[in-house]
Protein backbone atom coordinates (compact mmCIF):
# COMPACT_ATOMS: atom_id res chain seq x y z
CA MET A 1 189.31 -26.56 104.77
CA THR A 2 189.09 -30.23 104.76
CA SER A 3 186.24 -32.21 102.75
CA LEU A 4 184.45 -33.36 105.87
CA ARG A 5 184.11 -29.60 107.15
CA LYS A 6 183.00 -28.49 103.66
CA PHE A 7 180.38 -31.42 103.61
CA THR A 8 179.40 -30.42 107.00
CA ILE A 9 178.91 -26.84 106.04
CA ARG A 10 177.01 -27.64 102.99
CA LEU A 11 174.67 -30.01 104.98
CA ALA A 12 174.00 -27.31 107.29
CA VAL A 13 172.93 -24.86 104.62
CA TYR A 14 170.64 -27.56 103.10
CA GLY A 15 169.16 -27.89 106.36
CA ILE A 16 168.44 -24.33 106.99
CA ALA A 17 166.93 -24.16 103.44
CA LEU A 18 164.82 -27.07 104.08
CA VAL A 19 163.61 -25.60 107.43
CA TYR A 20 162.71 -22.35 105.69
CA LEU A 21 160.95 -24.15 102.66
CA ALA A 22 158.89 -26.16 105.40
CA LEU A 23 157.97 -22.87 107.30
CA ASP A 24 157.21 -21.02 104.41
CA LEU A 25 154.96 -23.65 102.57
CA PHE A 26 153.21 -25.27 105.73
CA VAL A 27 153.37 -22.73 108.74
CA PHE A 28 153.63 -19.07 107.31
CA HIS A 29 152.14 -19.44 104.03
CA GLY A 30 154.98 -17.45 102.69
CA PRO A 31 155.92 -16.01 99.37
CA LEU A 32 156.98 -19.31 97.91
CA ALA A 33 153.71 -20.84 98.86
CA LYS A 34 152.03 -17.81 97.42
CA ARG A 35 153.95 -18.13 94.20
CA ILE A 36 153.30 -21.70 93.97
CA GLU A 37 149.60 -20.97 94.04
CA ARG A 38 150.04 -18.32 91.26
CA VAL A 39 152.04 -20.49 89.03
CA GLY A 40 151.70 -24.55 88.38
CA THR A 41 148.06 -24.93 89.48
CA GLY A 42 146.97 -26.76 86.01
CA PRO A 43 146.07 -25.81 82.36
CA ASP A 44 142.34 -25.06 84.25
CA ASP A 45 143.49 -22.70 86.81
CA GLY A 46 140.92 -20.10 85.55
CA ASN A 47 137.97 -22.43 86.39
CA VAL A 48 139.12 -23.21 89.93
CA VAL A 49 136.99 -21.59 92.58
CA ALA A 50 138.55 -23.12 95.64
CA ARG A 51 141.34 -25.38 96.98
CA VAL A 52 141.39 -27.79 99.79
CA PHE A 53 144.68 -29.00 100.45
CA ASN A 54 146.04 -29.72 97.17
CA HIS A 55 142.67 -30.52 95.54
CA HIS A 56 141.07 -27.98 93.32
CA ILE A 57 137.31 -27.44 93.27
CA THR A 58 135.97 -26.13 89.89
CA LEU A 59 133.32 -23.74 88.69
CA ASP A 60 132.00 -26.71 86.60
CA GLN A 61 131.99 -28.87 89.76
CA LEU A 62 130.14 -26.09 91.67
CA ASP A 63 127.49 -25.74 89.03
CA ARG A 64 126.76 -29.22 88.89
CA ALA A 65 126.35 -29.34 92.49
CA VAL A 66 123.90 -26.19 92.42
CA ARG A 67 121.91 -28.17 89.58
CA GLU A 68 121.68 -31.19 91.88
CA ARG A 69 120.58 -29.36 95.12
CA LEU A 70 118.01 -27.07 93.07
CA TRP A 71 116.73 -30.55 91.44
CA LEU A 72 116.32 -32.10 95.06
CA GLU A 73 114.54 -29.03 96.29
CA GLY A 74 112.15 -28.89 93.25
CA ARG A 75 113.33 -25.40 92.21
CA ASP A 76 114.39 -23.61 89.22
CA ALA A 77 117.21 -21.45 89.02
CA GLY A 78 115.54 -19.06 86.74
CA GLU A 79 112.88 -18.31 89.41
CA LEU A 80 115.83 -17.10 91.85
CA SER A 81 116.70 -13.72 92.59
CA ALA A 82 120.26 -12.89 92.27
CA ASP A 83 120.84 -13.17 96.42
CA GLU A 84 119.12 -16.54 96.34
CA LEU A 85 121.24 -18.01 93.60
CA LYS A 86 124.45 -16.66 95.29
CA LEU A 87 123.40 -18.08 98.75
CA ILE A 88 122.60 -21.65 97.16
CA ARG A 89 126.02 -21.32 95.50
CA TYR A 90 127.63 -20.71 98.76
CA VAL A 91 125.78 -23.55 100.31
CA ALA A 92 126.72 -26.10 97.60
CA LEU A 93 130.59 -25.16 97.80
CA ASP A 94 130.58 -25.64 101.71
CA GLY A 95 129.24 -29.11 100.96
CA LEU A 96 132.00 -29.58 98.34
CA ILE A 97 134.52 -28.51 100.73
CA ASP A 98 133.37 -30.42 103.37
CA HIS A 99 133.32 -33.65 101.21
CA GLU A 100 137.20 -32.88 100.31
CA LEU A 101 138.05 -32.63 104.10
CA LEU A 102 136.32 -35.81 104.80
CA ARG A 103 137.88 -37.36 101.75
CA VAL A 104 141.31 -36.52 103.06
CA LYS A 105 140.46 -37.81 106.64
CA ALA A 106 138.91 -40.99 105.58
CA LYS A 107 141.91 -41.66 103.34
CA ALA A 108 144.32 -41.00 105.96
CA ASN A 109 142.66 -43.57 108.32
CA ALA A 110 141.44 -45.84 105.46
CA PRO A 111 143.32 -48.95 107.31
CA ASP A 112 140.69 -48.83 110.01
CA LEU A 113 137.75 -48.15 107.66
CA ILE A 114 137.40 -51.25 105.92
CA VAL A 115 134.48 -51.36 103.03
CA SER A 116 133.57 -54.69 102.00
CA GLU A 117 132.38 -55.69 98.47
CA GLU A 118 129.04 -56.51 99.91
CA GLU A 119 128.66 -52.99 101.11
CA VAL A 120 129.34 -51.74 97.82
CA ASP A 121 127.04 -53.98 95.82
CA GLU A 122 123.98 -52.90 98.14
CA ARG A 123 124.61 -49.48 97.90
CA LEU A 124 125.02 -49.74 94.02
CA ARG A 125 121.61 -51.63 93.94
CA ARG A 126 119.83 -48.86 95.89
CA LEU A 127 121.34 -46.26 93.41
CA ALA A 128 120.40 -48.21 90.35
CA ALA A 129 117.07 -48.47 91.93
CA ARG A 130 116.40 -44.83 91.53
CA PHE A 131 116.58 -44.99 87.70
CA GLU A 132 114.06 -46.45 85.37
CA SER A 133 116.72 -48.27 83.07
CA ARG A 134 120.49 -48.66 82.89
CA ASP A 135 120.66 -46.26 80.00
CA GLY A 136 119.31 -43.58 82.45
CA MET A 137 121.92 -44.42 85.28
CA GLU A 138 124.81 -44.21 82.38
CA SER A 139 123.66 -40.92 81.35
CA ALA A 140 123.80 -39.54 85.08
CA MET A 141 127.00 -41.31 85.51
CA ASN A 142 128.37 -39.43 82.42
CA ALA A 143 126.86 -36.07 83.70
CA GLN A 144 128.94 -36.35 86.80
CA GLY A 145 131.96 -37.21 84.78
CA ILE A 146 131.97 -41.03 86.27
CA GLU A 147 133.31 -43.05 83.04
CA SER A 148 132.84 -46.61 84.02
CA GLU A 149 131.19 -48.87 86.92
CA THR A 150 134.52 -49.56 88.26
CA GLU A 151 135.12 -45.65 88.86
CA LEU A 152 131.54 -45.75 90.14
CA ARG A 153 132.23 -48.51 92.62
CA GLU A 154 135.31 -46.80 93.94
CA ARG A 155 133.61 -43.69 94.54
CA ILE A 156 130.82 -45.38 96.32
CA ALA A 157 133.60 -47.16 98.36
CA ALA A 158 134.82 -43.88 99.23
CA ARG A 159 131.55 -42.20 100.36
CA ILE A 160 130.88 -45.09 102.53
CA GLN A 161 134.37 -44.92 103.92
CA GLN A 162 133.70 -41.21 104.83
CA GLU A 163 130.40 -41.99 106.40
CA LYS A 164 132.00 -44.65 108.50
CA TYR A 165 134.72 -42.03 109.58
CA VAL A 166 132.02 -39.58 110.67
CA GLU A 167 130.07 -42.37 112.49
CA ARG A 168 133.40 -43.27 114.44
CA LYS A 169 133.72 -39.62 115.68
CA VAL A 170 130.11 -39.04 116.36
CA ALA A 171 128.88 -42.34 117.77
CA PRO A 172 129.96 -41.74 121.36
CA MET A 173 128.01 -38.34 121.42
CA ALA A 174 124.98 -40.03 120.01
CA GLU A 175 124.51 -42.57 122.73
CA VAL A 176 121.12 -42.37 124.92
CA THR A 177 120.76 -43.66 128.39
CA GLU A 178 117.41 -44.92 129.62
CA GLU A 179 117.46 -42.26 131.99
CA GLU A 180 117.42 -39.54 129.31
CA ALA A 181 114.76 -41.30 127.24
CA ARG A 182 112.46 -41.36 130.25
CA ALA A 183 112.87 -37.98 131.00
CA TRP A 184 111.83 -37.04 127.42
CA PHE A 185 108.94 -39.09 127.33
CA ASP A 186 107.79 -37.78 130.54
CA GLY A 187 107.72 -34.51 129.02
CA HIS A 188 106.00 -35.58 125.50
CA ALA A 189 103.72 -38.45 126.43
CA LYS A 190 100.70 -36.57 124.89
CA GLU A 191 102.74 -36.84 121.42
CA LEU A 192 103.33 -40.31 121.73
CA GLU A 193 99.82 -41.53 122.33
CA ILE A 194 98.33 -44.24 120.03
CA PRO A 195 95.91 -41.98 117.86
CA GLU A 196 92.43 -42.53 117.63
CA ARG A 197 91.91 -44.97 114.67
CA ILE A 198 88.85 -46.47 112.85
CA GLU A 199 88.41 -49.47 110.60
CA ALA A 200 86.61 -49.20 107.33
CA ARG A 201 85.85 -50.34 104.11
CA GLN A 202 84.87 -48.81 100.47
CA VAL A 203 83.78 -49.06 97.13
CA PHE A 204 85.88 -46.72 94.81
CA LEU A 205 84.95 -45.28 91.39
CA PRO A 206 87.36 -42.76 89.93
CA THR A 207 86.55 -39.42 88.16
CA LEU A 208 89.56 -38.17 86.90
CA ASP A 209 88.41 -39.03 83.05
CA ARG A 210 85.03 -39.56 83.76
CA ASP A 211 81.70 -37.63 84.42
CA PRO A 212 81.61 -37.18 88.12
CA GLU A 213 77.83 -37.33 88.47
CA LEU A 214 77.44 -40.55 86.57
CA GLU A 215 80.00 -42.02 88.81
CA LYS A 216 78.03 -40.64 91.76
CA ALA A 217 74.69 -41.93 90.40
CA LYS A 218 76.19 -45.46 90.08
CA LEU A 219 77.39 -45.31 93.86
CA THR A 220 73.99 -43.69 95.02
CA ALA A 221 72.25 -46.63 93.43
CA ALA A 222 74.46 -48.92 95.18
CA LEU A 223 73.87 -47.23 98.54
CA ALA A 224 70.28 -47.63 98.01
CA ASP A 225 70.54 -51.41 97.14
CA LEU A 226 72.76 -51.82 100.51
CA LYS A 227 70.34 -50.28 102.81
CA ALA A 228 67.35 -52.39 101.42
CA GLY A 229 69.25 -55.49 101.78
CA LYS A 230 69.52 -56.48 98.07
CA LYS A 231 73.17 -56.56 98.08
CA ASP A 232 75.89 -56.50 100.91
CA PHE A 233 78.97 -54.63 100.77
CA VAL A 234 81.29 -57.40 99.55
CA GLU A 235 79.27 -57.92 96.51
CA LEU A 236 79.15 -54.12 95.63
CA VAL A 237 82.81 -53.97 95.99
CA SER A 238 83.21 -57.28 93.64
CA GLU A 239 80.89 -55.55 91.24
CA LEU A 240 82.10 -52.07 90.88
CA SER A 241 84.87 -51.02 92.81
CA GLU A 242 88.06 -49.99 90.90
CA ASP A 243 90.58 -49.49 93.74
CA PRO A 244 93.11 -52.50 93.40
CA ALA A 245 94.62 -52.16 96.81
CA SER A 246 91.32 -53.13 98.54
CA LYS A 247 89.19 -54.71 95.66
CA ASP A 248 90.25 -58.16 96.38
CA LYS A 249 89.74 -57.75 100.08
CA GLY A 250 86.06 -56.86 100.10
CA GLY A 251 86.93 -53.44 100.37
CA ASP A 252 88.78 -53.47 103.55
CA LEU A 253 91.12 -50.51 104.45
CA GLY A 254 92.20 -51.77 107.69
CA TRP A 255 92.71 -49.82 110.65
CA PHE A 256 94.36 -46.25 109.96
CA GLY A 257 94.53 -43.06 111.75
CA LYS A 258 93.91 -39.60 110.21
CA ASP A 259 97.51 -39.31 108.86
CA ARG A 260 97.75 -42.51 106.84
CA LEU A 261 95.44 -41.40 104.30
CA PRO A 262 94.88 -38.26 102.46
CA ALA A 263 93.29 -35.60 104.67
CA GLU A 264 90.44 -34.64 102.13
CA PHE A 265 89.32 -38.58 102.71
CA THR A 266 90.16 -39.06 106.44
CA ALA A 267 88.22 -35.81 107.56
CA GLN A 268 85.21 -37.11 105.91
CA VAL A 269 85.24 -40.69 107.13
CA PHE A 270 86.38 -40.05 110.53
CA ALA A 271 83.01 -38.03 110.77
CA LEU A 272 81.05 -41.08 109.66
CA LYS A 273 78.91 -43.04 112.56
CA THR A 274 80.07 -46.87 112.68
CA GLY A 275 77.76 -48.93 110.68
CA GLU A 276 76.18 -46.22 108.48
CA PRO A 277 77.59 -46.32 105.12
CA ALA A 278 77.71 -42.95 102.87
CA LEU A 279 79.23 -41.50 99.96
CA VAL A 280 82.40 -39.47 100.35
CA ARG A 281 83.83 -37.19 97.47
CA THR A 282 87.72 -36.61 96.78
CA ARG A 283 89.44 -35.06 93.84
CA ILE A 284 90.14 -38.54 92.53
CA GLY A 285 86.54 -40.01 92.83
CA TRP A 286 83.56 -41.04 94.80
CA HIS A 287 83.52 -43.42 97.76
CA LEU A 288 80.91 -45.31 99.22
CA VAL A 289 82.46 -46.03 102.69
CA GLU A 290 81.42 -47.74 106.01
CA VAL A 291 83.19 -47.61 108.97
CA THR A 292 83.20 -50.97 110.58
CA GLY A 293 85.16 -49.90 114.01
CA SER A 294 86.73 -47.28 116.07
CA LYS A 295 89.22 -47.14 118.52
CA PRO A 296 89.79 -43.92 120.83
CA ALA A 297 93.37 -42.28 121.52
CA GLN A 298 95.37 -44.36 123.97
CA PRO A 299 98.15 -43.63 126.19
CA ARG A 300 101.30 -45.56 125.91
CA THR A 301 103.54 -46.56 128.71
CA PHE A 302 107.38 -45.81 128.69
CA ASP A 303 108.04 -49.51 128.01
CA GLU A 304 105.67 -49.47 125.25
CA ALA A 305 107.43 -46.46 123.65
CA LYS A 306 111.05 -46.94 124.74
CA GLU A 307 112.52 -48.12 121.61
CA GLU A 308 110.90 -45.32 119.57
CA VAL A 309 112.10 -42.86 121.86
CA MET A 310 115.64 -43.89 122.28
CA ALA A 311 115.97 -44.45 118.30
CA ALA A 312 114.63 -40.62 117.80
CA LEU A 313 116.92 -38.94 120.60
CA GLU A 314 119.90 -41.10 119.27
CA SER A 315 119.20 -39.81 115.54
CA ALA A 316 118.65 -36.30 116.92
CA LYS A 317 122.20 -36.52 118.76
CA ARG A 318 123.83 -37.91 115.93
CA ARG A 319 122.80 -34.97 113.45
CA ALA A 320 123.84 -32.65 116.02
CA ALA A 321 127.14 -34.27 116.88
CA ALA A 322 127.91 -34.30 112.97
CA GLU A 323 127.19 -30.89 112.60
CA GLU A 324 129.40 -30.10 115.34
CA TYR A 325 132.11 -32.12 114.05
CA ARG A 326 131.78 -30.47 110.46
CA LEU A 327 132.08 -27.08 111.80
CA ALA A 328 135.14 -28.07 114.18
CA LEU A 329 136.78 -29.84 111.00
CA ARG A 330 136.51 -26.45 108.81
CA LYS A 331 137.81 -24.51 111.81
CA PHE A 332 140.86 -26.74 112.41
CA GLU A 333 141.65 -26.94 108.78
CA SER A 334 140.79 -23.47 108.02
CA ALA A 335 144.32 -22.75 106.80
CA LYS A 336 144.06 -25.38 103.94
CA ILE A 337 141.15 -24.07 102.40
CA ARG A 338 141.03 -21.29 99.94
CA ILE A 339 138.08 -19.85 98.40
CA ASP A 340 138.70 -17.18 95.53
CA HIS A 341 135.34 -15.31 96.29
CA ASP A 342 135.86 -12.86 93.12
CA LYS A 343 135.79 -15.85 90.74
CA LEU A 344 132.84 -17.49 92.56
CA ALA A 345 131.07 -14.07 92.14
CA ALA A 346 131.92 -13.61 88.70
CA GLY A 347 131.04 -17.21 87.70
CA ALA A 348 127.68 -16.89 89.16
CA GLY A 349 126.92 -14.08 86.92
CA ASN A 350 128.16 -15.54 83.53
CA ARG A 351 126.68 -19.12 84.20
């Protein structure tokens, strides 16, 4: 047999082997792929609860995501039933899987998703503003396994890149036409009315750490002086009021609707007659209030509400489109996602 023929046969054998390898690993998920999954998954394989492509999601990462979700919701894990905690763990795991899918997609499209240093700087400033000090921010970074600001900036850039990727996918589905906005307005014009508003001013005395009856007596005497013409409202504000927001403005609260200030305050003030000052009690103190003007609810034209309506409809469409894309991506890449349900359940019981 000639050398050329031997080489040709050897090449053919290699080709068949490579085809089999590709089919086993990427199409049929055959015995070789399963063996690779059982072996060589790293020293912490016992801690891996899910795999997305070749990325591992660990129980430690999941626990951290659960704690963050509970913190944002103002809930305590100790107060949850086993079923509630299980549900939250699956929801948190879904979030981690979605994040990894988007990370892979965004990375593959990175040349078209440029993130500037200015964008990262702005996002970093907004993040830092959530903490009282630099130490507090660094503690949070350490808790997330972020070792330096450089790594933090890389993660922020990756997150922005993912957002741009999703925006590019959903933007065409979030467009709103003027016809859509007008149709929605016609069916919801009542909801878009400018609500009833009043203009008022106040003298405020807090009672959280004081005798409420003593503070009430001060304002009762002030009201008597006001009605007798001994003092005007601005004088009383200057002498007595302890509301820093309105004291330097003669007690003026401006124009407001029932939803701008606490309901316990507005419910009483909206019942007052214009030009007839009265005492109002809330849980934080006593208020001597005078309504100085009022405006009834007013309808709005489509042109007046158009910008608001289109923005609201676009936001709703964008959320729906993002969720639709998320579900489609999960379905399309389902073969690349592996969840160890037994380990997930065992982890929930031991953590």
